[in-house]
Amino acid sequence: MCATLRDTTSKRKINLMTGISLAKGTSLSLTKTAPTLQIARLGLGWDAVPKKKLFGFSSGGDVDLDASAIMFDSSGKDVDTVYYGRLLSHDGSVQHSGDNLTGEGDGDDEVITVNLRSVSANIKTIVFVITSYSGQKFNEVKNVFARVSDGVSGQETVRYNLAESSDATGLVIAKLTRADNGWDFTAIGEFVTAARTPNKMVAPAARFV
């Protein structure tokens, strides 16, 4: 099966084989599955649910959701957050692609790139969350996904497609966890009500550390 993804730098579209699909609550060892992976490209995407009009269906309009990465140490304390307002982590290992205001187009809407070898030794878990600052709810979007691909080759390693919807404004979608010999990716998919900014997602994200 092939997936179409967007290169956020050149706006090219590339066809690549899709990676392993995970169910909610399951994990995958990136080290075992992709032993050469050094730059993990965490792509997050979504589409608007079409709105019904009197004569057929129309576009659902722009969807302004925000992806963020919250970094936790081994004691479970949040030490850094990468989001649209701060695009680079303090240690330089995690970088955000920037805010996507519309959600239009195929492929990734926002990308958070992690240099796995450069993540500070005290960081145990990186939790990825999606929030709706404008108050749009997750029952107004569809096709929400998180996927890890190789930042060098573009090859997709693993993907999680969210099956549920909710009237919540926050979502803990996935996490990277430092393992003995590398990193694991876990599909989470837990909604959070009344959380529209990254700082409101710290406590919910900490439950998965």
N, C-alpha and C. Protein backbone atom coordinates (compact mmCIF):
# COMPACT_ATOMS: atom_id res chain seq x y z
N MET A 1 0.85 -1.19 0.00
CA MET A 1 0.00 0.00 0.00
C MET A 1 0.88 1.24 0.00
N CYS A 2 0.50 2.28 -0.75
CA CYS A 2 1.33 3.48 -0.83
C CYS A 2 0.63 4.65 -0.18
N ALA A 3 1.42 5.53 0.39
CA ALA A 3 0.89 6.74 1.00
C ALA A 3 1.49 7.94 0.31
N THR A 4 0.72 9.01 0.17
CA THR A 4 1.22 10.25 -0.38
C THR A 4 1.53 11.19 0.76
N LEU A 5 2.76 11.70 0.82
CA LEU A 5 3.11 12.61 1.88
C LEU A 5 3.69 13.87 1.27
N ARG A 6 3.63 14.96 2.05
CA ARG A 6 4.09 16.24 1.57
C ARG A 6 5.44 16.56 2.15
N ASP A 7 6.40 16.96 1.31
CA ASP A 7 7.68 17.46 1.76
C ASP A 7 7.47 18.93 2.11
N THR A 8 7.60 19.29 3.40
CA THR A 8 7.24 20.64 3.85
C THR A 8 8.23 21.69 3.39
N THR A 9 9.38 21.27 2.87
CA THR A 9 10.36 22.24 2.38
C THR A 9 10.13 22.57 0.91
N SER A 10 10.00 21.54 0.09
CA SER A 10 9.89 21.76 -1.35
C SER A 10 8.46 21.67 -1.87
N LYS A 11 7.51 21.23 -1.00
CA LYS A 11 6.12 21.05 -1.38
C LYS A 11 5.94 19.95 -2.43
N ARG A 12 6.96 19.10 -2.60
CA ARG A 12 6.82 17.96 -3.49
C ARG A 12 5.95 16.90 -2.84
N LYS A 13 5.38 16.03 -3.63
CA LYS A 13 4.65 14.88 -3.12
C LYS A 13 5.43 13.63 -3.46
N ILE A 14 5.56 12.74 -2.48
CA ILE A 14 6.38 11.55 -2.65
C ILE A 14 5.54 10.33 -2.30
N ASN A 15 5.64 9.28 -3.09
CA ASN A 15 4.94 8.04 -2.78
C ASN A 15 5.90 7.06 -2.13
N LEU A 16 5.57 6.60 -0.94
CA LEU A 16 6.41 5.65 -0.22
C LEU A 16 5.52 4.56 0.37
N MET A 17 6.11 3.40 0.59
CA MET A 17 5.37 2.32 1.24
C MET A 17 5.04 2.73 2.67
N THR A 18 3.82 2.41 3.11
CA THR A 18 3.43 2.72 4.47
C THR A 18 4.10 1.77 5.44
N GLY A 19 4.29 2.25 6.67
CA GLY A 19 4.93 1.44 7.69
C GLY A 19 3.94 0.55 8.42
N ILE A 20 4.38 0.00 9.52
CA ILE A 20 3.55 -0.87 10.35
C ILE A 20 2.44 -0.03 10.99
N SER A 21 1.23 -0.53 10.95
CA SER A 21 0.08 0.17 11.54
C SER A 21 -0.15 -0.34 12.95
N LEU A 22 -0.22 0.58 13.91
CA LEU A 22 -0.43 0.22 15.31
C LEU A 22 -1.86 0.49 15.74
N ALA A 23 -2.34 -0.33 16.66
CA ALA A 23 -3.62 -0.08 17.31
C ALA A 23 -3.38 0.75 18.57
N LYS A 24 -4.43 1.38 19.04
CA LYS A 24 -4.35 2.19 20.25
C LYS A 24 -3.78 1.37 21.41
N GLY A 25 -2.80 1.97 22.11
CA GLY A 25 -2.23 1.33 23.28
C GLY A 25 -1.09 0.37 23.00
N THR A 26 -0.72 0.19 21.74
CA THR A 26 0.35 -0.74 21.40
C THR A 26 1.64 0.02 21.08
N SER A 27 2.76 -0.70 21.18
CA SER A 27 4.08 -0.08 21.01
C SER A 27 4.89 -0.82 19.96
N LEU A 28 5.91 -0.14 19.46
CA LEU A 28 6.83 -0.73 18.48
C LEU A 28 8.24 -0.25 18.80
N SER A 29 9.19 -1.15 18.79
CA SER A 29 10.59 -0.78 18.97
C SER A 29 11.13 -0.22 17.66
N LEU A 30 11.46 1.05 17.65
CA LEU A 30 12.04 1.66 16.45
C LEU A 30 13.43 1.08 16.20
N THR A 31 14.13 0.74 17.26
CA THR A 31 15.48 0.22 17.12
C THR A 31 15.49 -1.11 16.39
N LYS A 32 14.52 -1.99 16.70
CA LYS A 32 14.46 -3.29 16.06
C LYS A 32 13.88 -3.19 14.65
N THR A 33 12.88 -2.32 14.50
CA THR A 33 12.19 -2.22 13.21
C THR A 33 12.99 -1.42 12.19
N ALA A 34 13.63 -0.36 12.64
CA ALA A 34 14.42 0.50 11.74
C ALA A 34 15.75 0.82 12.41
N PRO A 35 16.68 -0.14 12.44
CA PRO A 35 17.93 0.02 13.19
C PRO A 35 18.81 1.16 12.72
N THR A 36 18.62 1.63 11.50
CA THR A 36 19.45 2.74 11.00
C THR A 36 18.80 4.11 11.23
N LEU A 37 17.61 4.13 11.81
CA LEU A 37 16.89 5.38 12.01
C LEU A 37 17.62 6.27 13.01
N GLN A 38 17.97 7.47 12.61
CA GLN A 38 18.61 8.45 13.48
C GLN A 38 17.79 9.73 13.60
N ILE A 39 17.18 10.14 12.48
CA ILE A 39 16.34 11.32 12.46
C ILE A 39 14.90 10.85 12.29
N ALA A 40 14.12 10.93 13.37
CA ALA A 40 12.72 10.50 13.34
C ALA A 40 11.83 11.69 13.00
N ARG A 41 11.11 11.56 11.92
CA ARG A 41 10.21 12.61 11.46
C ARG A 41 8.79 12.23 11.90
N LEU A 42 8.29 12.91 12.94
CA LEU A 42 6.96 12.60 13.47
C LEU A 42 5.95 13.48 12.74
N GLY A 43 5.23 12.89 11.81
CA GLY A 43 4.24 13.63 11.04
C GLY A 43 2.85 13.45 11.64
N LEU A 44 2.12 14.55 11.75
CA LEU A 44 0.76 14.52 12.27
C LEU A 44 -0.16 15.16 11.25
N GLY A 45 -1.32 14.55 11.05
CA GLY A 45 -2.23 15.06 10.03
C GLY A 45 -3.69 14.91 10.41
N TRP A 46 -4.55 15.67 9.70
CA TRP A 46 -5.98 15.66 9.95
C TRP A 46 -6.69 16.34 8.79
N ASP A 47 -7.98 16.10 8.66
CA ASP A 47 -8.81 16.75 7.65
C ASP A 47 -10.10 17.21 8.29
N ALA A 48 -10.70 18.23 7.71
CA ALA A 48 -11.99 18.71 8.20
C ALA A 48 -13.11 17.76 7.80
N VAL A 49 -14.07 17.58 8.68
CA VAL A 49 -15.27 16.82 8.34
C VAL A 49 -16.15 17.71 7.46
N PRO A 50 -16.58 17.24 6.30
CA PRO A 50 -17.43 18.07 5.43
C PRO A 50 -18.72 18.50 6.14
N LYS A 51 -19.09 19.74 5.95
CA LYS A 51 -20.31 20.26 6.57
C LYS A 51 -21.48 20.14 5.58
N LYS A 52 -22.62 19.75 6.09
CA LYS A 52 -23.78 19.51 5.24
C LYS A 52 -24.49 20.83 4.95
N LYS A 53 -24.80 21.01 3.67
CA LYS A 53 -25.60 22.16 3.26
C LYS A 53 -26.91 21.67 2.68
N LEU A 54 -27.78 22.58 2.35
CA LEU A 54 -29.10 22.22 1.85
C LEU A 54 -28.99 21.41 0.57
N PHE A 55 -28.06 21.81 -0.32
CA PHE A 55 -27.90 21.11 -1.59
C PHE A 55 -26.54 20.41 -1.61
N GLY A 56 -26.43 19.30 -0.91
CA GLY A 56 -25.21 18.51 -0.92
C GLY A 56 -24.24 18.91 0.17
N PHE A 57 -22.97 18.55 -0.05
CA PHE A 57 -21.92 18.77 0.94
C PHE A 57 -20.93 19.81 0.44
N SER A 58 -20.38 20.55 1.40
CA SER A 58 -19.35 21.52 1.07
C SER A 58 -18.12 21.22 1.91
N SER A 59 -17.04 21.91 1.62
CA SER A 59 -15.82 21.74 2.39
C SER A 59 -16.07 22.12 3.84
N GLY A 60 -15.37 21.43 4.73
CA GLY A 60 -15.51 21.73 6.15
C GLY A 60 -14.77 22.98 6.57
N GLY A 61 -14.01 23.59 5.66
CA GLY A 61 -13.30 24.81 6.00
C GLY A 61 -11.94 24.52 6.60
N ASP A 62 -11.25 25.57 7.04
CA ASP A 62 -9.93 25.44 7.62
C ASP A 62 -9.99 24.76 8.98
N VAL A 63 -8.95 24.00 9.29
CA VAL A 63 -8.83 23.34 10.58
C VAL A 63 -7.49 23.74 11.19
N ASP A 64 -7.53 24.56 12.23
CA ASP A 64 -6.30 25.06 12.85
C ASP A 64 -6.02 24.30 14.13
N LEU A 65 -5.40 23.14 13.99
CA LEU A 65 -4.94 22.37 15.14
C LEU A 65 -3.43 22.56 15.30
N ASP A 66 -2.95 22.34 16.51
CA ASP A 66 -1.54 22.57 16.81
C ASP A 66 -0.90 21.33 17.41
N ALA A 67 0.19 20.87 16.81
CA ALA A 67 0.94 19.73 17.32
C ALA A 67 2.08 20.24 18.20
N SER A 68 2.34 19.52 19.29
CA SER A 68 3.41 19.90 20.22
C SER A 68 4.09 18.64 20.74
N ALA A 69 5.32 18.80 21.21
CA ALA A 69 6.07 17.71 21.83
C ALA A 69 6.46 18.15 23.24
N ILE A 70 6.09 17.34 24.22
CA ILE A 70 6.41 17.65 25.62
C ILE A 70 7.45 16.63 26.09
N MET A 71 8.57 17.13 26.59
CA MET A 71 9.70 16.29 26.95
C MET A 71 9.76 16.10 28.47
N PHE A 72 9.86 14.84 28.89
CA PHE A 72 9.86 14.50 30.32
C PHE A 72 11.16 13.79 30.68
N ASP A 73 11.64 14.04 31.91
CA ASP A 73 12.83 13.33 32.38
C ASP A 73 12.43 12.03 33.05
N SER A 74 13.41 11.31 33.57
CA SER A 74 13.15 9.99 34.13
C SER A 74 12.31 10.03 35.39
N SER A 75 12.21 11.19 36.04
CA SER A 75 11.37 11.33 37.23
C SER A 75 9.93 11.72 36.89
N GLY A 76 9.66 11.92 35.60
CA GLY A 76 8.33 12.30 35.17
C GLY A 76 8.09 13.80 35.14
N LYS A 77 9.13 14.59 35.31
CA LYS A 77 9.00 16.05 35.29
C LYS A 77 9.11 16.56 33.87
N ASP A 78 8.22 17.48 33.49
CA ASP A 78 8.31 18.08 32.17
C ASP A 78 9.44 19.12 32.18
N VAL A 79 10.35 19.00 31.23
CA VAL A 79 11.52 19.88 31.20
C VAL A 79 11.56 20.77 29.96
N ASP A 80 10.73 20.48 28.96
CA ASP A 80 10.75 21.30 27.75
C ASP A 80 9.49 21.01 26.93
N THR A 81 9.04 22.01 26.17
CA THR A 81 7.92 21.84 25.25
C THR A 81 8.25 22.51 23.94
N VAL A 82 8.10 21.78 22.86
CA VAL A 82 8.32 22.32 21.52
C VAL A 82 6.95 22.48 20.86
N TYR A 83 6.64 23.68 20.40
CA TYR A 83 5.33 23.97 19.83
C TYR A 83 5.46 25.16 18.88
N TYR A 84 4.32 25.64 18.36
CA TYR A 84 4.36 26.71 17.36
C TYR A 84 5.02 27.98 17.87
N GLY A 85 5.04 28.18 19.19
CA GLY A 85 5.66 29.38 19.76
C GLY A 85 7.13 29.22 20.09
N ARG A 86 7.63 28.00 20.13
CA ARG A 86 9.06 27.73 20.32
C ARG A 86 9.38 26.48 19.51
N LEU A 87 10.01 26.69 18.38
CA LEU A 87 10.16 25.64 17.38
C LEU A 87 11.33 24.70 17.61
N LEU A 88 12.20 25.02 18.58
CA LEU A 88 13.38 24.19 18.81
C LEU A 88 13.55 23.94 20.30
N SER A 89 13.84 22.69 20.65
CA SER A 89 14.04 22.35 22.06
C SER A 89 15.34 22.97 22.57
N HIS A 90 15.48 23.04 23.88
CA HIS A 90 16.67 23.65 24.48
C HIS A 90 17.94 22.92 24.08
N ASP A 91 17.85 21.58 23.92
CA ASP A 91 19.04 20.82 23.54
C ASP A 91 19.24 20.73 22.03
N GLY A 92 18.31 21.31 21.27
CA GLY A 92 18.43 21.33 19.81
C GLY A 92 18.06 20.04 19.12
N SER A 93 17.55 19.06 19.85
CA SER A 93 17.27 17.75 19.26
C SER A 93 15.89 17.62 18.64
N VAL A 94 14.96 18.49 19.05
CA VAL A 94 13.57 18.41 18.59
C VAL A 94 13.20 19.72 17.90
N GLN A 95 12.69 19.62 16.69
CA GLN A 95 12.36 20.81 15.91
C GLN A 95 10.96 20.70 15.33
N HIS A 96 10.20 21.78 15.43
CA HIS A 96 8.83 21.87 14.93
C HIS A 96 8.85 22.53 13.56
N SER A 97 7.98 22.06 12.66
CA SER A 97 7.95 22.59 11.30
C SER A 97 7.25 23.94 11.20
N GLY A 98 6.50 24.33 12.25
CA GLY A 98 5.75 25.59 12.19
C GLY A 98 4.26 25.34 12.12
N ASP A 99 3.49 26.37 12.43
CA ASP A 99 2.04 26.26 12.54
C ASP A 99 1.38 26.15 11.17
N ASN A 100 0.51 25.16 11.02
CA ASN A 100 -0.32 25.02 9.82
C ASN A 100 -1.72 25.52 10.19
N LEU A 101 -2.17 26.57 9.52
CA LEU A 101 -3.42 27.24 9.91
C LEU A 101 -4.66 26.69 9.24
N THR A 102 -4.49 25.77 8.29
CA THR A 102 -5.66 25.34 7.51
C THR A 102 -5.94 23.85 7.58
N GLY A 103 -4.91 23.01 7.69
CA GLY A 103 -5.12 21.57 7.63
C GLY A 103 -5.39 21.06 6.24
N GLU A 104 -5.16 21.87 5.23
CA GLU A 104 -5.45 21.47 3.85
C GLU A 104 -4.34 20.61 3.29
N GLY A 105 -4.69 19.82 2.28
CA GLY A 105 -3.71 19.04 1.53
C GLY A 105 -3.51 17.65 2.09
N ASP A 106 -2.92 16.78 1.25
CA ASP A 106 -2.62 15.42 1.67
C ASP A 106 -1.35 15.41 2.51
N GLY A 107 -1.18 14.31 3.24
CA GLY A 107 0.06 14.13 3.98
C GLY A 107 0.08 14.84 5.31
N ASP A 108 1.28 15.10 5.80
CA ASP A 108 1.47 15.67 7.13
C ASP A 108 1.06 17.13 7.16
N ASP A 109 0.30 17.51 8.18
CA ASP A 109 -0.06 18.91 8.36
C ASP A 109 1.00 19.63 9.19
N GLU A 110 1.52 18.98 10.21
CA GLU A 110 2.63 19.52 10.98
C GLU A 110 3.62 18.40 11.25
N VAL A 111 4.90 18.76 11.33
CA VAL A 111 5.96 17.78 11.50
C VAL A 111 6.85 18.19 12.67
N ILE A 112 7.15 17.23 13.53
CA ILE A 112 8.11 17.44 14.60
C ILE A 112 9.24 16.44 14.38
N THR A 113 10.44 16.96 14.16
CA THR A 113 11.59 16.12 13.84
C THR A 113 12.45 15.93 15.09
N VAL A 114 12.81 14.67 15.36
CA VAL A 114 13.60 14.34 16.54
C VAL A 114 14.91 13.69 16.10
N ASN A 115 16.03 14.31 16.47
CA ASN A 115 17.34 13.68 16.27
C ASN A 115 17.57 12.77 17.47
N LEU A 116 17.32 11.48 17.29
CA LEU A 116 17.30 10.54 18.40
C LEU A 116 18.63 10.47 19.13
N ARG A 117 19.72 10.68 18.42
CA ARG A 117 21.04 10.59 19.05
C ARG A 117 21.42 11.85 19.81
N SER A 118 20.67 12.93 19.58
CA SER A 118 21.01 14.21 20.22
C SER A 118 20.11 14.55 21.40
N VAL A 119 19.08 13.75 21.64
CA VAL A 119 18.19 14.02 22.76
C VAL A 119 18.98 13.92 24.06
N SER A 120 18.87 14.91 24.91
CA SER A 120 19.61 14.92 26.17
C SER A 120 19.40 13.62 26.94
N ALA A 121 20.46 13.17 27.60
CA ALA A 121 20.44 11.88 28.29
C ALA A 121 19.39 11.83 29.39
N ASN A 122 19.02 12.98 29.93
CA ASN A 122 18.03 12.99 31.02
C ASN A 122 16.59 12.88 30.53
N ILE A 123 16.38 12.97 29.21
CA ILE A 123 15.03 12.87 28.66
C ILE A 123 14.66 11.41 28.48
N LYS A 124 13.57 11.01 29.12
CA LYS A 124 13.10 9.62 29.05
C LYS A 124 11.97 9.45 28.04
N THR A 125 11.06 10.43 27.98
CA THR A 125 9.85 10.30 27.17
C THR A 125 9.55 11.61 26.46
N ILE A 126 9.13 11.52 25.21
CA ILE A 126 8.64 12.68 24.46
C ILE A 126 7.20 12.36 24.07
N VAL A 127 6.27 13.13 24.61
CA VAL A 127 4.85 12.90 24.37
C VAL A 127 4.35 13.91 23.33
N PHE A 128 3.64 13.41 22.33
CA PHE A 128 3.14 14.26 21.25
C PHE A 128 1.65 14.51 21.45
N VAL A 129 1.27 15.76 21.42
CA VAL A 129 -0.12 16.14 21.66
C VAL A 129 -0.61 17.05 20.54
N ILE A 130 -1.93 17.11 20.39
CA ILE A 130 -2.56 18.00 19.42
C ILE A 130 -3.63 18.79 20.16
N THR A 131 -3.64 20.11 19.97
CA THR A 131 -4.62 20.96 20.63
C THR A 131 -5.31 21.88 19.64
N SER A 132 -6.47 22.38 20.05
CA SER A 132 -7.26 23.28 19.21
C SER A 132 -7.42 24.62 19.92
N TYR A 133 -6.53 25.55 19.59
CA TYR A 133 -6.59 26.87 20.24
C TYR A 133 -7.89 27.60 19.92
N SER A 134 -8.38 27.40 18.70
CA SER A 134 -9.60 28.09 18.26
C SER A 134 -10.86 27.45 18.81
N GLY A 135 -10.74 26.30 19.47
CA GLY A 135 -11.89 25.63 20.06
C GLY A 135 -12.57 24.62 19.16
N GLN A 136 -12.01 24.38 17.95
CA GLN A 136 -12.56 23.32 17.11
C GLN A 136 -12.38 21.98 17.82
N LYS A 137 -13.36 21.12 17.70
CA LYS A 137 -13.34 19.86 18.44
C LYS A 137 -12.97 18.71 17.52
N PHE A 138 -12.58 17.61 18.14
CA PHE A 138 -12.10 16.48 17.36
C PHE A 138 -13.22 15.71 16.66
N ASN A 139 -14.48 16.06 16.92
CA ASN A 139 -15.55 15.49 16.10
C ASN A 139 -15.81 16.35 14.86
N GLU A 140 -15.02 17.42 14.70
CA GLU A 140 -15.07 18.26 13.50
C GLU A 140 -13.94 17.94 12.54
N VAL A 141 -13.10 16.97 12.90
CA VAL A 141 -12.01 16.55 12.02
C VAL A 141 -12.07 15.04 11.82
N LYS A 142 -11.38 14.56 10.80
CA LYS A 142 -11.31 13.13 10.51
C LYS A 142 -9.90 12.81 10.03
N ASN A 143 -9.64 11.53 9.87
CA ASN A 143 -8.36 11.05 9.34
C ASN A 143 -7.17 11.57 10.16
N VAL A 144 -7.33 11.62 11.47
CA VAL A 144 -6.23 12.06 12.34
C VAL A 144 -5.21 10.92 12.44
N PHE A 145 -3.94 11.25 12.27
CA PHE A 145 -2.91 10.21 12.34
C PHE A 145 -1.60 10.77 12.88
N ALA A 146 -0.78 9.84 13.36
CA ALA A 146 0.61 10.14 13.71
C ALA A 146 1.47 9.07 13.07
N ARG A 147 2.59 9.46 12.51
CA ARG A 147 3.45 8.47 11.87
C ARG A 147 4.91 8.87 12.02
N VAL A 148 5.76 7.88 12.09
CA VAL A 148 7.20 8.12 12.15
C VAL A 148 7.81 7.68 10.84
N SER A 149 8.59 8.56 10.23
CA SER A 149 9.33 8.20 9.03
C SER A 149 10.79 8.61 9.20
N ASP A 150 11.62 8.08 8.35
CA ASP A 150 13.05 8.38 8.39
C ASP A 150 13.27 9.78 7.81
N GLY A 151 13.87 10.67 8.60
CA GLY A 151 14.07 12.04 8.15
C GLY A 151 15.05 12.17 7.00
N VAL A 152 15.82 11.11 6.73
CA VAL A 152 16.79 11.13 5.63
C VAL A 152 16.18 10.53 4.37
N SER A 153 15.68 9.30 4.47
CA SER A 153 15.16 8.60 3.29
C SER A 153 13.69 8.90 3.02
N GLY A 154 12.95 9.31 4.05
CA GLY A 154 11.52 9.53 3.90
C GLY A 154 10.69 8.28 4.09
N GLN A 155 11.32 7.13 4.26
CA GLN A 155 10.60 5.87 4.41
C GLN A 155 9.80 5.85 5.71
N GLU A 156 8.51 5.56 5.60
CA GLU A 156 7.67 5.48 6.79
C GLU A 156 7.96 4.19 7.55
N THR A 157 8.07 4.31 8.89
CA THR A 157 8.35 3.16 9.74
C THR A 157 7.10 2.64 10.43
N VAL A 158 6.34 3.55 11.01
CA VAL A 158 5.16 3.14 11.79
C VAL A 158 4.11 4.23 11.69
N ARG A 159 2.85 3.82 11.80
CA ARG A 159 1.74 4.76 11.68
C ARG A 159 0.64 4.39 12.68
N TYR A 160 -0.01 5.42 13.21
CA TYR A 160 -1.18 5.22 14.06
C TYR A 160 -2.31 6.07 13.52
N ASN A 161 -3.41 5.43 13.09
CA ASN A 161 -4.59 6.13 12.61
C ASN A 161 -5.64 6.15 13.72
N LEU A 162 -6.01 7.35 14.15
CA LEU A 162 -6.98 7.49 15.22
C LEU A 162 -8.36 7.04 14.74
N ALA A 163 -8.99 6.12 15.47
CA ALA A 163 -10.29 5.59 15.06
C ALA A 163 -11.45 6.34 15.70
N GLU A 164 -11.23 6.96 16.86
CA GLU A 164 -12.31 7.57 17.61
C GLU A 164 -12.44 9.06 17.30
N SER A 165 -13.58 9.63 17.72
CA SER A 165 -13.78 11.08 17.67
C SER A 165 -14.32 11.53 19.02
N SER A 166 -14.30 12.84 19.26
CA SER A 166 -14.72 13.34 20.57
C SER A 166 -15.00 14.83 20.44
N ASP A 167 -15.76 15.37 21.40
CA ASP A 167 -15.98 16.81 21.44
C ASP A 167 -14.90 17.51 22.28
N ALA A 168 -13.80 16.82 22.52
CA ALA A 168 -12.67 17.39 23.25
C ALA A 168 -11.87 18.32 22.34
N THR A 169 -11.02 19.15 22.95
CA THR A 169 -10.16 20.06 22.20
C THR A 169 -8.68 19.71 22.34
N GLY A 170 -8.38 18.64 23.06
CA GLY A 170 -7.01 18.19 23.22
C GLY A 170 -6.89 16.70 22.97
N LEU A 171 -5.71 16.27 22.52
CA LEU A 171 -5.49 14.85 22.23
C LEU A 171 -4.04 14.50 22.53
N VAL A 172 -3.83 13.50 23.39
CA VAL A 172 -2.51 12.89 23.55
C VAL A 172 -2.46 11.75 22.54
N ILE A 173 -1.67 11.93 21.49
CA ILE A 173 -1.77 10.98 20.38
C ILE A 173 -0.72 9.88 20.42
N ALA A 174 0.51 10.18 20.83
CA ALA A 174 1.56 9.17 20.78
C ALA A 174 2.74 9.61 21.63
N LYS A 175 3.71 8.70 21.79
CA LYS A 175 4.91 9.06 22.53
C LYS A 175 6.11 8.27 22.03
N LEU A 176 7.29 8.83 22.25
CA LEU A 176 8.56 8.14 22.07
C LEU A 176 9.14 7.92 23.46
N THR A 177 9.56 6.70 23.74
CA THR A 177 10.12 6.36 25.04
C THR A 177 11.52 5.78 24.86
N ARG A 178 12.46 6.29 25.66
CA ARG A 178 13.82 5.77 25.59
C ARG A 178 13.84 4.37 26.20
N ALA A 179 14.30 3.40 25.44
CA ALA A 179 14.42 2.02 25.91
C ALA A 179 15.90 1.71 26.16
N ASP A 180 16.19 0.49 26.61
CA ASP A 180 17.57 0.12 26.92
C ASP A 180 18.49 0.29 25.72
N ASN A 181 17.99 -0.08 24.56
CA ASN A 181 18.84 -0.06 23.37
C ASN A 181 18.35 0.89 22.30
N GLY A 182 17.53 1.87 22.66
CA GLY A 182 17.04 2.80 21.65
C GLY A 182 15.73 3.44 22.06
N TRP A 183 14.77 3.50 21.12
CA TRP A 183 13.51 4.19 21.36
C TRP A 183 12.34 3.33 20.92
N ASP A 184 11.23 3.47 21.66
CA ASP A 184 9.96 2.82 21.31
C ASP A 184 8.94 3.90 20.95
N PHE A 185 8.04 3.55 20.02
CA PHE A 185 6.92 4.42 19.65
C PHE A 185 5.64 3.77 20.15
N THR A 186 4.80 4.53 20.85
CA THR A 186 3.54 4.01 21.39
C THR A 186 2.36 4.84 20.90
N ALA A 187 1.32 4.18 20.42
CA ALA A 187 0.08 4.85 20.03
C ALA A 187 -0.79 5.03 21.27
N ILE A 188 -1.22 6.26 21.54
CA ILE A 188 -1.99 6.54 22.76
C ILE A 188 -3.46 6.85 22.44
N GLY A 189 -3.74 7.97 21.79
CA GLY A 189 -5.10 8.28 21.36
C GLY A 189 -6.07 8.60 22.47
N GLU A 190 -5.65 9.39 23.47
CA GLU A 190 -6.52 9.77 24.58
C GLU A 190 -6.93 11.25 24.46
N PHE A 191 -8.24 11.50 24.50
CA PHE A 191 -8.76 12.87 24.38
C PHE A 191 -8.73 13.58 25.73
N VAL A 192 -8.60 14.90 25.65
CA VAL A 192 -8.57 15.75 26.86
C VAL A 192 -9.54 16.90 26.63
N THR A 193 -10.50 17.07 27.52
CA THR A 193 -11.47 18.16 27.38
C THR A 193 -10.88 19.46 27.89
N ALA A 194 -11.36 20.55 27.33
CA ALA A 194 -10.99 21.91 27.79
C ALA A 194 -9.49 22.12 27.84
N ALA A 195 -8.76 21.58 26.86
CA ALA A 195 -7.32 21.80 26.75
C ALA A 195 -7.02 22.33 25.36
N ARG A 196 -6.79 23.63 25.26
CA ARG A 196 -6.63 24.26 23.96
C ARG A 196 -5.21 24.75 23.69
N THR A 197 -4.33 24.66 24.67
CA THR A 197 -2.94 25.10 24.51
C THR A 197 -1.99 24.03 25.04
N PRO A 198 -0.74 24.03 24.59
CA PRO A 198 0.21 22.99 25.03
C PRO A 198 0.39 22.92 26.54
N ASN A 199 0.39 24.06 27.22
CA ASN A 199 0.61 24.03 28.67
C ASN A 199 -0.53 23.31 29.41
N LYS A 200 -1.71 23.31 28.83
CA LYS A 200 -2.83 22.59 29.44
C LYS A 200 -2.74 21.08 29.22
N MET A 201 -1.81 20.66 28.37
CA MET A 201 -1.66 19.25 28.06
C MET A 201 -0.54 18.59 28.84
N VAL A 202 0.22 19.37 29.62
CA VAL A 202 1.36 18.81 30.35
C VAL A 202 0.90 17.75 31.34
N ALA A 203 -0.06 18.08 32.17
CA ALA A 203 -0.54 17.12 33.18
C ALA A 203 -1.16 15.87 32.54
N PRO A 204 -2.03 16.02 31.52
CA PRO A 204 -2.56 14.82 30.86
C PRO A 204 -1.46 13.97 30.21
N ALA A 205 -0.48 14.62 29.62
CA ALA A 205 0.62 13.90 28.97
C ALA A 205 1.46 13.15 30.01
N ALA A 206 1.62 13.74 31.19
CA ALA A 206 2.44 13.13 32.23
C ALA A 206 1.90 11.78 32.68
N ARG A 207 0.61 11.54 32.50
CA ARG A 207 0.02 10.26 32.88
C ARG A 207 0.57 9.10 32.06
N PHE A 208 1.18 9.42 30.92
CA PHE A 208 1.68 8.37 30.03
C PHE A 208 3.20 8.24 30.07
N VAL A 209 3.80 8.85 31.06
CA VAL A 209 5.27 8.80 31.20
C VAL A 209 5.64 7.61 32.08
